[in-house]
Amino acid sequence: MRGNQSNQDTFDDLREELRGALSPLGRPELRRDLWPLMLRRLEKPPVGVPWFDWTLLALTGAALVFFPVLIPALLYHL
């Protein structure tokens, strides 16, 4: 019986450490209201297409010109 009591104490200590490390799961409050930030973001003008998107498009076009056998594989993945 002594071994079982020792294990129970160990489990109780572990349970208390875990409870201390994790925050309660209730209904946590937000630090601030996110809706005004969303409205400001929606009012901003859209950002242009980044340069790496154009680079990827150019590389894909060049690969299709030089390796036309890749066209079915590209269409398959679309």
C-alpha atoms as a PDB file:
ATOM      1  CA  MET A   1       0.000   0.000   0.000  1.00  0.00           C
ATOM      2  CA  ARG A   2       2.888   2.340   0.630  1.00  0.00           C
ATOM      3  CA  GLY A   3       3.826   2.359  -3.076  1.00  0.00           C
ATOM      4  CA  ASN A   4       0.279   3.321  -4.114  1.00  0.00           C
ATOM      5  CA  GLN A   5       0.240   6.275  -1.729  1.00  0.00           C
ATOM      6  CA  SER A   6       3.564   7.483  -3.135  1.00  0.00           C
ATOM      7  CA  ASN A   7       2.207   7.255  -6.685  1.00  0.00           C
ATOM      8  CA  GLN A   8      -0.941   9.121  -5.662  1.00  0.00           C
ATOM      9  CA  ASP A   9       1.144  11.920  -4.145  1.00  0.00           C
ATOM     10  CA  THR A  10       3.204  12.113  -7.326  1.00  0.00           C
ATOM     11  CA  PHE A  11       0.066  12.314  -9.469  1.00  0.00           C
ATOM     12  CA  ASP A  12      -1.415  14.975  -7.185  1.00  0.00           C
ATOM     13  CA  ASP A  13       1.767  17.047  -7.449  1.00  0.00           C
ATOM     14  CA  LEU A  14       1.786  16.656 -11.228  1.00  0.00           C
ATOM     15  CA  ARG A  15      -1.896  17.630 -11.444  1.00  0.00           C
ATOM     16  CA  GLU A  16      -1.245  20.799  -9.435  1.00  0.00           C
ATOM     17  CA  GLU A  17       1.740  21.729 -11.611  1.00  0.00           C
ATOM     18  CA  LEU A  18      -0.321  21.266 -14.769  1.00  0.00           C
ATOM     19  CA  ARG A  19      -3.173  23.355 -13.402  1.00  0.00           C
ATOM     20  CA  GLY A  20      -0.722  26.107 -12.560  1.00  0.00           C
ATOM     21  CA  ALA A  21       0.845  26.031 -16.039  1.00  0.00           C
ATOM     22  CA  LEU A  22      -2.386  26.115 -18.049  1.00  0.00           C
ATOM     23  CA  SER A  23      -4.816  28.979 -18.091  1.00  0.00           C
ATOM     24  CA  PRO A  24      -8.477  28.288 -17.279  1.00  0.00           C
ATOM     25  CA  LEU A  25     -10.657  27.364 -20.255  1.00  0.00           C
ATOM     26  CA  GLY A  26     -13.634  29.543 -19.368  1.00  0.00           C
ATOM     27  CA  ARG A  27     -14.573  32.452 -21.626  1.00  0.00           C
ATOM     28  CA  PRO A  28     -11.368  34.437 -21.982  1.00  0.00           C
ATOM     29  CA  GLU A  29     -11.851  38.106 -22.720  1.00  0.00           C
ATOM     30  CA  LEU A  30     -10.169  39.730 -25.683  1.00  0.00           C
ATOM     31  CA  ARG A  31      -7.536  42.315 -24.933  1.00  0.00           C
ATOM     32  CA  ARG A  32      -9.211  44.781 -27.303  1.00  0.00           C
ATOM     33  CA  ASP A  33     -12.027  45.087 -29.812  1.00  0.00           C
ATOM     34  CA  LEU A  34     -10.876  43.789 -33.198  1.00  0.00           C
ATOM     35  CA  TRP A  35     -13.713  45.193 -35.309  1.00  0.00           C
ATOM     36  CA  PRO A  36     -12.306  48.753 -35.719  1.00  0.00           C
ATOM     37  CA  LEU A  37      -8.991  47.281 -36.881  1.00  0.00           C
ATOM     38  CA  MET A  38     -10.841  45.139 -39.425  1.00  0.00           C
ATOM     39  CA  LEU A  39     -12.766  48.137 -40.742  1.00  0.00           C
ATOM     40  CA  ARG A  40      -9.543  50.144 -41.158  1.00  0.00           C
ATOM     41  CA  ARG A  41      -7.945  47.250 -42.993  1.00  0.00           C
ATOM     42  CA  LEU A  42     -10.926  46.926 -45.345  1.00  0.00           C
ATOM     43  CA  GLU A  43     -10.795  50.661 -46.137  1.00  0.00           C
ATOM     44  CA  LYS A  44      -7.128  50.521 -47.191  1.00  0.00           C
ATOM     45  CA  PRO A  45      -6.454  50.319 -50.932  1.00  0.00           C
ATOM     46  CA  PRO A  46      -5.500  46.837 -52.097  1.00  0.00           C
ATOM     47  CA  VAL A  47      -1.814  46.034 -52.321  1.00  0.00           C
ATOM     48  CA  GLY A  48      -0.359  45.280 -55.760  1.00  0.00           C
ATOM     49  CA  VAL A  49       0.897  41.878 -56.812  1.00  0.00           C
ATOM     50  CA  PRO A  50       4.328  41.159 -55.264  1.00  0.00           C
ATOM     51  CA  TRP A  51       7.349  40.808 -57.538  1.00  0.00           C
ATOM     52  CA  PHE A  52       7.860  37.119 -56.694  1.00  0.00           C
ATOM     53  CA  ASP A  53       4.401  36.268 -58.011  1.00  0.00           C
ATOM     54  CA  TRP A  54       5.368  37.779 -61.361  1.00  0.00           C
ATOM     55  CA  THR A  55       8.673  35.871 -61.217  1.00  0.00           C
ATOM     56  CA  LEU A  56       6.871  32.581 -60.612  1.00  0.00           C
ATOM     57  CA  LEU A  57       4.490  33.317 -63.466  1.00  0.00           C
ATOM     58  CA  ALA A  58       7.416  34.088 -65.806  1.00  0.00           C
ATOM     59  CA  LEU A  59       9.262  30.915 -64.772  1.00  0.00           C
ATOM     60  CA  THR A  60       6.131  28.822 -65.321  1.00  0.00           C
ATOM     61  CA  GLY A  61       5.629  30.376 -68.770  1.00  0.00           C
ATOM     62  CA  ALA A  62       9.272  29.767 -69.707  1.00  0.00           C
ATOM     63  CA  ALA A  63       9.075  26.169 -68.509  1.00  0.00           C
ATOM     64  CA  LEU A  64       5.951  25.596 -70.630  1.00  0.00           C
ATOM     65  CA  VAL A  65       7.651  27.095 -73.701  1.00  0.00           C
ATOM     66  CA  PHE A  66      10.827  25.040 -73.304  1.00  0.00           C
ATOM     67  CA  PHE A  67       9.191  21.877 -71.942  1.00  0.00           C
ATOM     68  CA  PRO A  68       5.707  21.575 -73.475  1.00  0.00           C
ATOM     69  CA  VAL A  69       5.403  18.053 -72.119  1.00  0.00           C
ATOM     70  CA  LEU A  70       4.785  19.679 -68.702  1.00  0.00           C
ATOM     71  CA  ILE A  71       1.454  21.179 -69.816  1.00  0.00           C
ATOM     72  CA  PRO A  72      -0.656  18.104 -68.870  1.00  0.00           C
ATOM     73  CA  ALA A  73       1.082  17.912 -65.477  1.00  0.00           C
ATOM     74  CA  LEU A  74       0.405  21.599 -64.831  1.00  0.00           C
ATOM     75  CA  LEU A  75      -3.231  21.240 -65.850  1.00  0.00           C
ATOM     76  CA  TYR A  76      -3.572  18.190 -63.618  1.00  0.00           C
ATOM     77  CA  HIS A  77      -2.410  20.180 -60.588  1.00  0.00           C
ATOM     78  CA  LEU A  78      -4.741  23.078 -61.235  1.00  0.00           C
END
